[in-house]
PDB file of N, CA and C in Angstrom:
ATOM      1  N   UNK A   1       0.849  -1.192   0.000  1.00  0.00           N
ATOM      2  CA  UNK A   1       0.000   0.000   0.000  1.00  0.00           C
ATOM      3  C   UNK A   1       0.890   1.249   0.000  1.00  0.00           C
ATOM      4  N   UNK A   2       0.484   2.220  -0.816  1.00  0.00           N
ATOM      5  CA  UNK A   2       1.279   3.441  -0.901  1.00  0.00           C
ATOM      6  C   UNK A   2       1.074   4.308   0.330  1.00  0.00           C
ATOM      7  N   UNK A   3       2.130   4.927   0.751  1.00  0.00           N
ATOM      8  CA  UNK A   3       2.068   5.869   1.853  1.00  0.00           C
ATOM      9  C   UNK A   3       1.319   7.110   1.359  1.00  0.00           C
ATOM     10  N   UNK A   4       0.397   7.671   2.158  1.00  0.00           N
ATOM     11  CA  UNK A   4      -0.361   8.852   1.704  1.00  0.00           C
ATOM     12  C   UNK A   4       0.534  10.005   1.271  1.00  0.00           C
ATOM     13  N   UNK A   5       1.670  10.139   1.941  1.00  0.00           N
ATOM     14  CA  UNK A   5       2.621  11.197   1.610  1.00  0.00           C
ATOM     15  C   UNK A   5       3.158  11.007   0.192  1.00  0.00           C
ATOM     16  N   UNK A   6       3.499   9.751  -0.163  1.00  0.00           N
ATOM     17  CA  UNK A   6       3.992   9.460  -1.511  1.00  0.00           C
ATOM     18  C   UNK A   6       2.900   9.724  -2.537  1.00  0.00           C
ATOM     19  N   UNK A   7       1.676   9.337  -2.201  1.00  0.00           N
ATOM     20  CA  UNK A   7       0.549   9.540  -3.102  1.00  0.00           C
ATOM     21  C   UNK A   7       0.367  11.031  -3.398  1.00  0.00           C
ATOM     22  N   UNK A   8       0.470  11.855  -2.368  1.00  0.00           N
ATOM     23  CA  UNK A   8       0.340  13.298  -2.552  1.00  0.00           C
ATOM     24  C   UNK A   8       1.421  13.813  -3.497  1.00  0.00           C
ATOM     25  N   UNK A   9       2.650  13.368  -3.304  1.00  0.00           N
ATOM     26  CA  UNK A   9       3.752  13.835  -4.146  1.00  0.00           C
ATOM     27  C   UNK A   9       3.577  13.369  -5.601  1.00  0.00           C
ATOM     28  N   UNK A  10       3.072  12.158  -5.780  1.00  0.00           N
ATOM     29  CA  UNK A  10       2.823  11.639  -7.130  1.00  0.00           C
ATOM     30  C   UNK A  10       1.720  12.456  -7.811  1.00  0.00           C
ATOM     31  N   UNK A  11       0.629  12.711  -7.080  1.00  0.00           N
ATOM     32  CA  UNK A  11      -0.467  13.503  -7.650  1.00  0.00           C
ATOM     33  C   UNK A  11      -0.010  14.927  -7.958  1.00  0.00           C
ATOM     34  N   UNK A  12       0.847  15.478  -7.099  1.00  0.00           N
ATOM     35  CA  UNK A  12       1.385  16.828  -7.316  1.00  0.00           C
ATOM     36  C   UNK A  12       2.238  16.858  -8.585  1.00  0.00           C
ATOM     37  N   UNK A  13       3.086  15.855  -8.757  1.00  0.00           N
ATOM     38  CA  UNK A  13       3.925  15.785  -9.944  1.00  0.00           C
ATOM     39  C   UNK A  13       3.068  15.657 -11.206  1.00  0.00           C
ATOM     40  N   UNK A  14       2.034  14.827 -11.143  1.00  0.00           N
ATOM     41  CA  UNK A  14       1.141  14.657 -12.299  1.00  0.00           C
ATOM     42  C   UNK A  14       0.446  15.970 -12.651  1.00  0.00           C
ATOM     43  N   UNK A  15       0.036  16.732 -11.627  1.00  0.00           N
ATOM     44  CA  UNK A  15      -0.586  18.035 -11.879  1.00  0.00           C
ATOM     45  C   UNK A  15       0.401  18.961 -12.579  1.00  0.00           C
ATOM     46  N   UNK A  16       1.636  19.012 -12.079  1.00  0.00           N
ATOM     47  CA  UNK A  16       2.638  19.890 -12.686  1.00  0.00           C
ATOM     48  C   UNK A  16       2.924  19.488 -14.134  1.00  0.00           C
ATOM     49  N   UNK A  17       2.950  18.193 -14.415  1.00  0.00           N
ATOM     50  CA  UNK A  17       3.167  17.714 -15.786  1.00  0.00           C
ATOM     51  C   UNK A  17       1.988  18.135 -16.675  1.00  0.00           C
ATOM     52  N   UNK A  18       0.774  18.003 -16.154  1.00  0.00           N
ATOM     53  CA  UNK A  18      -0.400  18.394 -16.938  1.00  0.00           C
ATOM     54  C   UNK A  18      -0.402  19.902 -17.198  1.00  0.00           C
ATOM     55  N   UNK A  19      -0.001  20.686 -16.204  1.00  0.00           N
ATOM     56  CA  UNK A  19       0.099  22.135 -16.393  1.00  0.00           C
ATOM     57  C   UNK A  19       1.161  22.459 -17.432  1.00  0.00           C
ATOM     58  N   UNK A  20       2.248  21.697 -17.431  1.00  0.00           N
ATOM     59  CA  UNK A  20       3.299  21.903 -18.430  1.00  0.00           C
ATOM     60  C   UNK A  20       2.757  21.620 -19.831  1.00  0.00           C
ATOM     61  N   UNK A  21       1.978  20.534 -19.956  1.00  0.00           N
ATOM     62  CA  UNK A  21       1.403  20.197 -21.263  1.00  0.00           C
ATOM     63  C   UNK A  21       0.444  21.299 -21.735  1.00  0.00           C
ATOM     64  N   UNK A  22      -0.331  21.859 -20.805  1.00  0.00           N
ATOM     65  CA  UNK A  22      -1.349  22.840 -21.183  1.00  0.00           C
ATOM     66  C   UNK A  22      -0.784  24.241 -21.371  1.00  0.00           C
ATOM     67  N   UNK A  23       0.145  24.646 -20.485  1.00  0.00           N
ATOM     68  CA  UNK A  23       0.616  26.028 -20.489  1.00  0.00           C
ATOM     69  C   UNK A  23       2.090  26.178 -20.863  1.00  0.00           C
ATOM     70  N   UNK A  24       2.744  25.051 -21.131  1.00  0.00           N
ATOM     71  CA  UNK A  24       4.153  25.045 -21.514  1.00  0.00           C
ATOM     72  C   UNK A  24       5.076  25.558 -20.405  1.00  0.00           C
ATOM     73  N   UNK A  25       4.619  25.420 -19.161  1.00  0.00           N
ATOM     74  CA  UNK A  25       5.465  25.730 -18.010  1.00  0.00           C
ATOM     75  C   UNK A  25       5.266  24.610 -17.000  1.00  0.00           C
ATOM     76  N   UNK A  26       6.290  24.347 -16.200  1.00  0.00           N
ATOM     77  CA  UNK A  26       6.148  23.356 -15.132  1.00  0.00           C
ATOM     78  C   UNK A  26       6.331  24.118 -13.823  1.00  0.00           C
ATOM     79  N   UNK A  27       5.246  24.712 -13.332  1.00  0.00           N
ATOM     80  CA  UNK A  27       5.373  25.645 -12.221  1.00  0.00           C
ATOM     81  C   UNK A  27       5.679  24.970 -10.886  1.00  0.00           C
ATOM     82  N   UNK A  28       6.393  25.726 -10.052  1.00  0.00           N
ATOM     83  CA  UNK A  28       6.586  25.318  -8.666  1.00  0.00           C
ATOM     84  C   UNK A  28       5.334  25.741  -7.886  1.00  0.00           C
ATOM     85  N   UNK A  29       5.375  25.606  -6.579  1.00  0.00           N
ATOM     86  CA  UNK A  29       4.218  25.956  -5.753  1.00  0.00           C
ATOM     87  C   UNK A  29       3.745  27.389  -6.014  1.00  0.00           C
ATOM     88  N   UNK A  30       4.663  28.355  -6.013  1.00  0.00           N
ATOM     89  CA  UNK A  30       4.275  29.745  -6.237  1.00  0.00           C
ATOM     90  C   UNK A  30       3.672  29.942  -7.620  1.00  0.00           C
ATOM     91  N   UNK A  31       4.247  29.259  -8.603  1.00  0.00           N
ATOM     92  CA  UNK A  31       3.714  29.362  -9.963  1.00  0.00           C
ATOM     93  C   UNK A  31       2.300  28.811 -10.069  1.00  0.00           C
ATOM     94  N   UNK A  32       2.042  27.701  -9.391  1.00  0.00           N
ATOM     95  CA  UNK A  32       0.703  27.112  -9.403  1.00  0.00           C
ATOM     96  C   UNK A  32      -0.276  28.055  -8.703  1.00  0.00           C
ATOM     97  N   UNK A  33       0.139  28.621  -7.571  1.00  0.00           N
ATOM     98  CA  UNK A  33      -0.727  29.579  -6.867  1.00  0.00           C
ATOM     99  C   UNK A  33      -1.017  30.798  -7.737  1.00  0.00           C
ATOM    100  N   UNK A  34      -0.007  31.244  -8.469  1.00  0.00           N
ATOM    101  CA  UNK A  34      -0.191  32.386  -9.368  1.00  0.00           C
ATOM    102  C   UNK A  34      -1.209  32.051 -10.459  1.00  0.00           C
ATOM    103  N   UNK A  35      -1.100  30.862 -11.036  1.00  0.00           N
ATOM    104  CA  UNK A  35      -2.071  30.430 -12.051  1.00  0.00           C
ATOM    105  C   UNK A  35      -3.502  30.424 -11.492  1.00  0.00           C
ATOM    106  N   UNK A  36      -3.670  29.903 -10.279  1.00  0.00           N
ATOM    107  CA  UNK A  36      -4.997  29.864  -9.658  1.00  0.00           C
ATOM    108  C   UNK A  36      -5.495  31.287  -9.433  1.00  0.00           C
ATOM    109  N   UNK A  37      -4.610  32.165  -8.952  1.00  0.00           N
ATOM    110  CA  UNK A  37      -5.000  33.558  -8.718  1.00  0.00           C
ATOM    111  C   UNK A  37      -5.468  34.242  -9.985  1.00  0.00           C
ATOM    112  N   UNK A  38      -4.729  34.055 -11.078  1.00  0.00           N
ATOM    113  CA  UNK A  38      -5.116  34.648 -12.369  1.00  0.00           C
ATOM    114  C   UNK A  38      -6.459  34.076 -12.811  1.00  0.00           C
ATOM    115  N   UNK A  39      -6.634  32.760 -12.646  1.00  0.00           N
ATOM    116  CA  UNK A  39      -7.895  32.100 -13.003  1.00  0.00           C
ATOM    117  C   UNK A  39      -9.053  32.703 -12.209  1.00  0.00           C
ATOM    118  N   UNK A  40      -8.870  32.868 -10.914  1.00  0.00           N
ATOM    119  CA  UNK A  40      -9.928  33.378 -10.047  1.00  0.00           C
ATOM    120  C   UNK A  40     -10.208  34.857 -10.286  1.00  0.00           C
ATOM    121  N   UNK A  41      -9.181  35.614 -10.651  1.00  0.00           N
ATOM    122  CA  UNK A  41      -9.384  37.030 -10.976  1.00  0.00           C
ATOM    123  C   UNK A  41     -10.270  37.145 -12.210  1.00  0.00           C
ATOM    124  N   UNK A  42     -10.054  36.226 -13.165  1.00  0.00           N
ATOM    125  CA  UNK A  42     -10.933  36.153 -14.330  1.00  0.00           C
ATOM    126  C   UNK A  42     -10.759  37.267 -15.343  1.00  0.00           C
ATOM    127  N   UNK A  43      -9.618  37.929 -15.350  1.00  0.00           N
ATOM    128  CA  UNK A  43      -9.388  39.014 -16.305  1.00  0.00           C
ATOM    129  C   UNK A  43      -8.403  38.624 -17.391  1.00  0.00           C
ATOM    130  N   UNK A  44      -8.086  37.330 -17.450  1.00  0.00           N
ATOM    131  CA  UNK A  44      -7.201  36.828 -18.488  1.00  0.00           C
ATOM    132  C   UNK A  44      -5.745  37.095 -18.197  1.00  0.00           C
ATOM    133  N   UNK A  45      -4.857  36.473 -18.993  1.00  0.00           N
ATOM    134  CA  UNK A  45      -3.416  36.674 -18.798  1.00  0.00           C
ATOM    135  C   UNK A  45      -3.030  38.119 -19.112  1.00  0.00           C
ATOM    136  N   UNK A  46      -2.168  38.673 -18.311  1.00  0.00           N
ATOM    137  CA  UNK A  46      -1.674  40.036 -18.520  1.00  0.00           C
ATOM    138  C   UNK A  46      -0.397  40.199 -17.716  1.00  0.00           C
ATOM    139  N   UNK A  47       0.233  41.338 -17.872  1.00  0.00           N
ATOM    140  CA  UNK A  47       1.431  41.632 -17.081  1.00  0.00           C
ATOM    141  C   UNK A  47       0.984  42.119 -15.709  1.00  0.00           C
ATOM    142  N   UNK A  48       1.531  41.516 -14.666  1.00  0.00           N
ATOM    143  CA  UNK A  48       1.200  41.920 -13.305  1.00  0.00           C
ATOM    144  C   UNK A  48       2.457  42.421 -12.607  1.00  0.00           C
ATOM    145  N   UNK A  49       2.297  43.430 -11.769  1.00  0.00           N
ATOM    146  CA  UNK A  49       3.413  43.920 -10.962  1.00  0.00           C
ATOM    147  C   UNK A  49       3.732  42.885  -9.891  1.00  0.00           C
ATOM    148  N   UNK A  50       4.877  43.060  -9.232  1.00  0.00           N
ATOM    149  CA  UNK A  50       5.276  42.144  -8.165  1.00  0.00           C
ATOM    150  C   UNK A  50       4.209  42.146  -7.063  1.00  0.00           C
ATOM    151  N   UNK A  51       3.706  43.327  -6.723  1.00  0.00           N
ATOM    152  CA  UNK A  51       2.673  43.441  -5.680  1.00  0.00           C
ATOM    153  C   UNK A  51       1.384  42.734  -6.121  1.00  0.00           C
ATOM    154  N   UNK A  52       1.006  42.906  -7.377  1.00  0.00           N
ATOM    155  CA  UNK A  52      -0.196  42.228  -7.885  1.00  0.00           C
ATOM    156  C   UNK A  52      -0.020  40.711  -7.859  1.00  0.00           C
ATOM    157  N   UNK A  53       1.194  40.240  -8.170  1.00  0.00           N
ATOM    158  CA  UNK A  53       1.450  38.801  -8.131  1.00  0.00           C
ATOM    159  C   UNK A  53       1.290  38.272  -6.706  1.00  0.00           C
ATOM    160  N   UNK A  54       1.753  39.033  -5.719  1.00  0.00           N
ATOM    161  CA  UNK A  54       1.558  38.634  -4.320  1.00  0.00           C
ATOM    162  C   UNK A  54       0.068  38.597  -3.989  1.00  0.00           C
ATOM    163  N   UNK A  55      -0.674  39.596  -4.476  1.00  0.00           N
ATOM    164  CA  UNK A  55      -2.127  39.631  -4.260  1.00  0.00           C
ATOM    165  C   UNK A  55      -2.806  38.425  -4.920  1.00  0.00           C
ATOM    166  N   UNK A  56      -2.348  38.079  -6.125  1.00  0.00           N
ATOM    167  CA  UNK A  56      -2.915  36.931  -6.835  1.00  0.00           C
ATOM    168  C   UNK A  56      -2.656  35.633  -6.074  1.00  0.00           C
ATOM    169  N   UNK A  57      -1.467  35.509  -5.495  1.00  0.00           N
ATOM    170  CA  UNK A  57      -1.159  34.314  -4.716  1.00  0.00           C
ATOM    171  C   UNK A  57      -2.021  34.268  -3.449  1.00  0.00           C
ATOM    172  N   UNK A  58      -2.296  35.438  -2.871  1.00  0.00           N
ATOM    173  CA  UNK A  58      -3.181  35.503  -1.700  1.00  0.00           C
ATOM    174  C   UNK A  58      -4.600  35.072  -2.099  1.00  0.00           C
ATOM    175  N   UNK A  59      -5.073  35.546  -3.254  1.00  0.00           N
ATOM    176  CA  UNK A  59      -6.390  35.145  -3.766  1.00  0.00           C
ATOM    177  C   UNK A  59      -6.436  33.624  -3.909  1.00  0.00           C
ATOM    178  N   UNK A  60      -5.361  33.053  -4.453  1.00  0.00           N
ATOM    179  CA  UNK A  60      -5.311  31.601  -4.656  1.00  0.00           C
ATOM    180  C   UNK A  60      -5.398  30.865  -3.323  1.00  0.00           C
ATOM    181  N   UNK A  61      -4.613  31.299  -2.349  1.00  0.00           N
ATOM    182  CA  UNK A  61      -4.615  30.622  -1.048  1.00  0.00           C
ATOM    183  C   UNK A  61      -5.997  30.719  -0.408  1.00  0.00           C
ATOM    184  N   UNK A  62      -6.598  31.902  -0.441  1.00  0.00           N
ATOM    185  CA  UNK A  62      -7.946  32.059   0.116  1.00  0.00           C
ATOM    186  C   UNK A  62      -8.936  31.153  -0.600  1.00  0.00           C
ATOM    187  N   UNK A  63      -8.834  31.099  -1.925  1.00  0.00           N
ATOM    188  CA  UNK A  63      -9.758  30.291  -2.734  1.00  0.00           C
ATOM    189  C   UNK A  63      -9.627  28.808  -2.425  1.00  0.00           C
ATOM    190  N   UNK A  64      -8.400  28.309  -2.381  1.00  0.00           N
ATOM    191  CA  UNK A  64      -8.237  26.864  -2.159  1.00  0.00           C
ATOM    192  C   UNK A  64      -8.600  26.465  -0.736  1.00  0.00           C
ATOM    193  N   UNK A  65      -8.554  27.431   0.200  1.00  0.00           N
ATOM    194  CA  UNK A  65      -8.878  27.113   1.589  1.00  0.00           C
ATOM    195  C   UNK A  65     -10.318  27.458   1.971  1.00  0.00           C
ATOM    196  N   UNK A  66     -11.077  28.002   1.012  1.00  0.00           N
ATOM    197  CA  UNK A  66     -12.501  28.283   1.250  1.00  0.00           C
ATOM    198  C   UNK A  66     -13.276  27.042   1.693  1.00  0.00           C
ATOM    199  N   UNK A  67     -13.142  25.908   0.963  1.00  0.00           N
ATOM    200  CA  UNK A  67     -13.932  24.721   1.340  1.00  0.00           C
ATOM    201  C   UNK A  67     -13.655  24.237   2.768  1.00  0.00           C
ATOM    202  N   UNK A  68     -12.460  24.516   3.282  1.00  0.00           N
ATOM    203  CA  UNK A  68     -12.115  24.098   4.635  1.00  0.00           C
ATOM    204  C   UNK A  68     -12.590  25.060   5.712  1.00  0.00           C
ATOM    205  N   UNK A  69     -13.240  26.147   5.292  1.00  0.00           N
ATOM    206  CA  UNK A  69     -13.767  27.109   6.247  1.00  0.00           C
ATOM    207  C   UNK A  69     -12.728  28.066   6.816  1.00  0.00           C
ATOM    208  N   UNK A  70     -11.548  28.122   6.202  1.00  0.00           N
ATOM    209  CA  UNK A  70     -10.506  29.018   6.694  1.00  0.00           C
ATOM    210  C   UNK A  70     -10.754  30.461   6.273  1.00  0.00           C
ATOM    211  N   UNK A  71     -11.404  30.636   5.131  1.00  0.00           N
ATOM    212  CA  UNK A  71     -11.709  31.968   4.607  1.00  0.00           C
ATOM    213  C   UNK A  71     -13.161  32.015   4.144  1.00  0.00           C
ATOM    214  N   UNK A  72     -13.704  33.225   4.118  1.00  0.00           N
ATOM    215  CA  UNK A  72     -15.012  33.422   3.485  1.00  0.00           C
ATOM    216  C   UNK A  72     -14.832  34.471   2.386  1.00  0.00           C
ATOM    217  N   UNK A  73     -15.643  34.355   1.361  1.00  0.00           N
ATOM    218  CA  UNK A  73     -15.567  35.265   0.216  1.00  0.00           C
ATOM    219  C   UNK A  73     -16.448  36.475   0.510  1.00  0.00           C
ATOM    220  N   UNK A  74     -15.872  37.671   0.385  1.00  0.00           N
ATOM    221  CA  UNK A  74     -16.601  38.907   0.701  1.00  0.00           C
ATOM    222  C   UNK A  74     -17.176  39.602  -0.529  1.00  0.00           C
ATOM    223  N   UNK A  75     -16.693  39.249  -1.718  1.00  0.00           N
ATOM    224  CA  UNK A  75     -17.147  39.929  -2.929  1.00  0.00           C
ATOM    225  C   UNK A  75     -15.961  40.553  -3.651  1.00  0.00           C
ATOM    226  N   UNK A  76     -16.269  41.291  -4.702  1.00  0.00           N
ATOM    227  CA  UNK A  76     -15.238  41.915  -5.536  1.00  0.00           C
ATOM    228  C   UNK A  76     -15.207  43.423  -5.297  1.00  0.00           C
ATOM    229  N   UNK A  77     -14.012  44.013  -5.438  1.00  0.00           N
ATOM    230  CA  UNK A  77     -13.908  45.468  -5.344  1.00  0.00           C
ATOM    231  C   UNK A  77     -14.241  46.086  -6.706  1.00  0.00           C
ATOM    232  N   UNK A  78     -14.132  47.413  -6.800  1.00  0.00           N
ATOM    233  CA  UNK A  78     -14.523  48.122  -8.030  1.00  0.00           C
ATOM    234  C   UNK A  78     -13.650  47.750  -9.225  1.00  0.00           C
ATOM    235  N   UNK A  79     -12.459  47.189  -8.967  1.00  0.00           N
ATOM    236  CA  UNK A  79     -11.585  46.767 -10.067  1.00  0.00           C
ATOM    237  C   UNK A  79     -11.769  45.290 -10.399  1.00  0.00           C
ATOM    238  N   UNK A  80     -12.695  44.627  -9.711  1.00  0.00           N
ATOM    239  CA  UNK A  80     -12.982  43.229 -10.006  1.00  0.00           C
ATOM    240  C   UNK A  80     -12.147  42.228  -9.237  1.00  0.00           C
ATOM    241  N   UNK A  81     -11.346  42.700  -8.276  1.00  0.00           N
ATOM    242  CA  UNK A  81     -10.508  41.791  -7.495  1.00  0.00           C
ATOM    243  C   UNK A  81     -11.314  41.215  -6.340  1.00  0.00           C
ATOM    244  N   UNK A  82     -11.254  39.886  -6.151  1.00  0.00           N
ATOM    245  CA  UNK A  82     -12.000  39.269  -5.044  1.00  0.00           C
ATOM    246  C   UNK A  82     -11.346  39.570  -3.688  1.00  0.00           C
ATOM    247  N   UNK A  83     -12.197  39.637  -2.666  1.00  0.00           N
ATOM    248  CA  UNK A  83     -11.710  39.872  -1.301  1.00  0.00           C
ATOM    249  C   UNK A  83     -12.269  38.813  -0.366  1.00  0.00           C
ATOM    250  N   UNK A  84     -11.489  38.490   0.661  1.00  0.00           N
ATOM    251  CA  UNK A  84     -11.810  37.407   1.578  1.00  0.00           C
ATOM    252  C   UNK A  84     -11.580  37.856   3.020  1.00  0.00           C
ATOM    253  N   UNK A  85     -12.218  37.153   3.944  1.00  0.00           N
ATOM    254  CA  UNK A  85     -11.975  37.340   5.372  1.00  0.00           C
ATOM    255  C   UNK A  85     -11.526  36.007   5.941  1.00  0.00           C
ATOM    256  N   UNK A  86     -10.463  36.059   6.750  1.00  0.00           N
ATOM    257  CA  UNK A  86     -10.003  34.824   7.396  1.00  0.00           C
ATOM    258  C   UNK A  86     -10.975  34.494   8.523  1.00  0.00           C
ATOM    259  N   UNK A  87     -11.484  33.262   8.503  1.00  0.00           N
ATOM    260  CA  UNK A  87     -12.499  32.831   9.461  1.00  0.00           C
ATOM    261  C   UNK A  87     -11.899  32.070  10.641  1.00  0.00           C
ATOM    262  N   UNK A  88     -10.821  31.360  10.385  1.00  0.00           N
ATOM    263  CA  UNK A  88     -10.153  30.642  11.471  1.00  0.00           C
ATOM    264  C   UNK A  88      -8.679  30.506  11.146  1.00  0.00           C
ATOM    265  N   UNK A  89      -7.910  30.299  12.198  1.00  0.00           N
ATOM    266  CA  UNK A  89      -6.463  30.229  12.037  1.00  0.00           C
ATOM    267  C   UNK A  89      -6.066  28.959  11.286  1.00  0.00           C
ATOM    268  N   UNK A  90      -5.017  29.079  10.512  1.00  0.00           N
ATOM    269  CA  UNK A  90      -4.470  27.912   9.839  1.00  0.00           C
ATOM    270  C   UNK A  90      -3.747  27.045  10.859  1.00  0.00           C
ATOM    271  N   UNK A  91      -3.704  25.737  10.624  1.00  0.00           N
ATOM    272  CA  UNK A  91      -2.991  24.856  11.557  1.00  0.00           C
ATOM    273  C   UNK A  91      -1.521  25.267  11.699  1.00  0.00           C
ATOM    274  N   UNK A  92      -0.964  25.046  12.865  1.00  0.00           N
ATOM    275  CA  UNK A  92       0.431  25.402  13.114  1.00  0.00           C
ATOM    276  C   UNK A  92       1.378  24.348  12.581  1.00  0.00           C
ATOM    277  N   UNK A  93       1.656  24.423  11.296  1.00  0.00           N
ATOM    278  CA  UNK A  93       2.498  23.440  10.632  1.00  0.00           C
ATOM    279  C   UNK A  93       3.929  23.920  10.535  1.00  0.00           C
ATOM    280  N   UNK A  94       4.845  22.957  10.416  1.00  0.00           N
ATOM    281  CA  UNK A  94       6.189  23.322   9.982  1.00  0.00           C
ATOM    282  C   UNK A  94       6.130  23.535   8.467  1.00  0.00           C
ATOM    283  N   UNK A  95       7.220  23.983   7.887  1.00  0.00           N
ATOM    284  CA  UNK A  95       7.230  24.346   6.470  1.00  0.00           C
ATOM    285  C   UNK A  95       6.840  23.180   5.563  1.00  0.00           C
ATOM    286  N   UNK A  96       7.367  21.998   5.853  1.00  0.00           N
ATOM    287  CA  UNK A  96       7.074  20.806   5.045  1.00  0.00           C
ATOM    288  C   UNK A  96       5.584  20.455   5.125  1.00  0.00           C
ATOM    289  N   UNK A  97       5.032  20.458   6.333  1.00  0.00           N
ATOM    290  CA  UNK A  97       3.605  20.142   6.510  1.00  0.00           C
ATOM    291  C   UNK A  97       2.732  21.201   5.842  1.00  0.00           C
ATOM    292  N   UNK A  98       3.151  22.452   5.953  1.00  0.00           N
ATOM    293  CA  UNK A  98       2.395  23.547   5.342  1.00  0.00           C
ATOM    294  C   UNK A  98       2.352  23.383   3.826  1.00  0.00           C
ATOM    295  N   UNK A  99       3.476  23.024   3.236  1.00  0.00           N
ATOM    296  CA  UNK A  99       3.523  22.833   1.786  1.00  0.00           C
ATOM    297  C   UNK A  99       2.599  21.689   1.367  1.00  0.00           C
ATOM    298  N   UNK A 100       2.612  20.596   2.118  1.00  0.00           N
ATOM    299  CA  UNK A 100       1.734  19.470   1.791  1.00  0.00           C
ATOM    300  C   UNK A 100       0.263  19.823   1.986  1.00  0.00           C
ATOM    301  N   UNK A 101      -0.032  20.603   3.011  1.00  0.00           N
ATOM    302  CA  UNK A 101      -1.396  21.094   3.257  1.00  0.00           C
ATOM    303  C   UNK A 101      -1.876  21.890   2.041  1.00  0.00           C
ATOM    304  N   UNK A 102      -1.033  22.781   1.541  1.00  0.00           N
ATOM    305  CA  UNK A 102      -1.389  23.581   0.365  1.00  0.00           C
ATOM    306  C   UNK A 102      -1.500  22.704  -0.881  1.00  0.00           C
ATOM    307  N   UNK A 103      -0.560  21.779  -1.064  1.00  0.00           N
ATOM    308  CA  UNK A 103      -0.613  20.882  -2.230  1.00  0.00           C
ATOM    309  C   UNK A 103      -1.935  20.123  -2.254  1.00  0.00           C
ATOM    310  N   UNK A 104      -2.330  19.599  -1.107  1.00  0.00           N
ATOM    311  CA  UNK A 104      -3.573  18.838  -1.010  1.00  0.00           C
ATOM    312  C   UNK A 104      -4.766  19.699  -1.423  1.00  0.00           C
ATOM    313  N   UNK A 105      -4.806  20.932  -0.949  1.00  0.00           N
ATOM    314  CA  UNK A 105      -5.915  21.835  -1.276  1.00  0.00           C
ATOM    315  C   UNK A 105      -5.855  22.304  -2.734  1.00  0.00           C
ATOM    316  N   UNK A 106      -4.657  22.465  -3.269  1.00  0.00           N
ATOM    317  CA  UNK A 106      -4.513  22.826  -4.684  1.00  0.00           C
ATOM    318  C   UNK A 106      -5.036  21.687  -5.563  1.00  0.00           C
ATOM    319  N   UNK A 107      -4.674  20.459  -5.222  1.00  0.00           N
ATOM    320  CA  UNK A 107      -5.149  19.302  -5.992  1.00  0.00           C
ATOM    321  C   UNK A 107      -6.678  19.214  -5.937  1.00  0.00           C
ATOM    322  N   UNK A 108      -7.255  19.465  -4.784  1.00  0.00           N
ATOM    323  CA  UNK A 108      -8.708  19.461  -4.640  1.00  0.00           C
ATOM    324  C   UNK A 108      -9.327  20.545  -5.521  1.00  0.00           C
ATOM    325  N   UNK A 109      -8.710  21.723  -5.539  1.00  0.00           N
ATOM    326  CA  UNK A 109      -9.185  22.827  -6.378  1.00  0.00           C
ATOM    327  C   UNK A 109      -9.221  22.412  -7.851  1.00  0.00           C
ATOM    328  N   UNK A 110      -8.113  21.820  -8.325  1.00  0.00           N
ATOM    329  CA  UNK A 110      -8.056  21.423  -9.736  1.00  0.00           C
ATOM    330  C   UNK A 110      -9.027  20.278 -10.044  1.00  0.00           C
ATOM    331  N   UNK A 111      -9.298  19.417  -9.064  1.00  0.00           N
ATOM    332  CA  UNK A 111     -10.323  18.381  -9.261  1.00  0.00           C
ATOM    333  C   UNK A 111     -11.693  19.034  -9.408  1.00  0.00           C
ATOM    334  N   UNK A 112     -12.006  19.987  -8.539  1.00  0.00           N
ATOM    335  CA  UNK A 112     -13.291  20.662  -8.588  1.00  0.00           C
ATOM    336  C   UNK A 112     -13.474  21.459  -9.871  1.00  0.00           C
ATOM    337  N   UNK A 113     -12.346  21.926 -10.436  1.00  0.00           N
ATOM    338  CA  UNK A 113     -12.404  22.675 -11.712  1.00  0.00           C
ATOM    339  C   UNK A 113     -12.511  21.728 -12.904  1.00  0.00           C
ATOM    340  N   UNK A 114     -12.395  20.415 -12.650  1.00  0.00           N
ATOM    341  CA  UNK A 114     -12.455  19.447 -13.738  1.00  0.00           C
ATOM    342  C   UNK A 114     -11.173  19.366 -14.534  1.00  0.00           C
ATOM    343  N   UNK A 115     -10.080  19.891 -13.984  1.00  0.00           N
ATOM    344  CA  UNK A 115      -8.800  19.891 -14.713  1.00  0.00           C
ATOM    345  C   UNK A 115      -8.094  18.542 -14.559  1.00  0.00           C
ATOM    346  N   UNK A 116      -8.250  17.919 -13.391  1.00  0.00           N
ATOM    347  CA  UNK A 116      -7.641  16.596 -13.164  1.00  0.00           C
ATOM    348  C   UNK A 116      -8.709  15.629 -12.694  1.00  0.00           C
TER     349      UNK A 116
END
């Protein structure tokens, strides 16, 4: 039987390969979060400033953690950017656990989008 940790890493690698096939990039964690943020913003690909990229990654994290009740969606501002409120604290993970927590939620997001 496969260890759940190995399964997560295999599914993560498969997602990155599929993203490479679709977008011609094999993004790391930040790149995947950026893709989700751009998707959720819904304004199409464009040039973003460093600050906007950080905002997009925040949108992605809020979005993927919505189903777990960590954030609630507040609506969009006048420029169309989504806003969220943190509803409960994130678990106190070390860096490795935190990355796996995010990977798991990212994979769930892409499943819900019908991408994987």
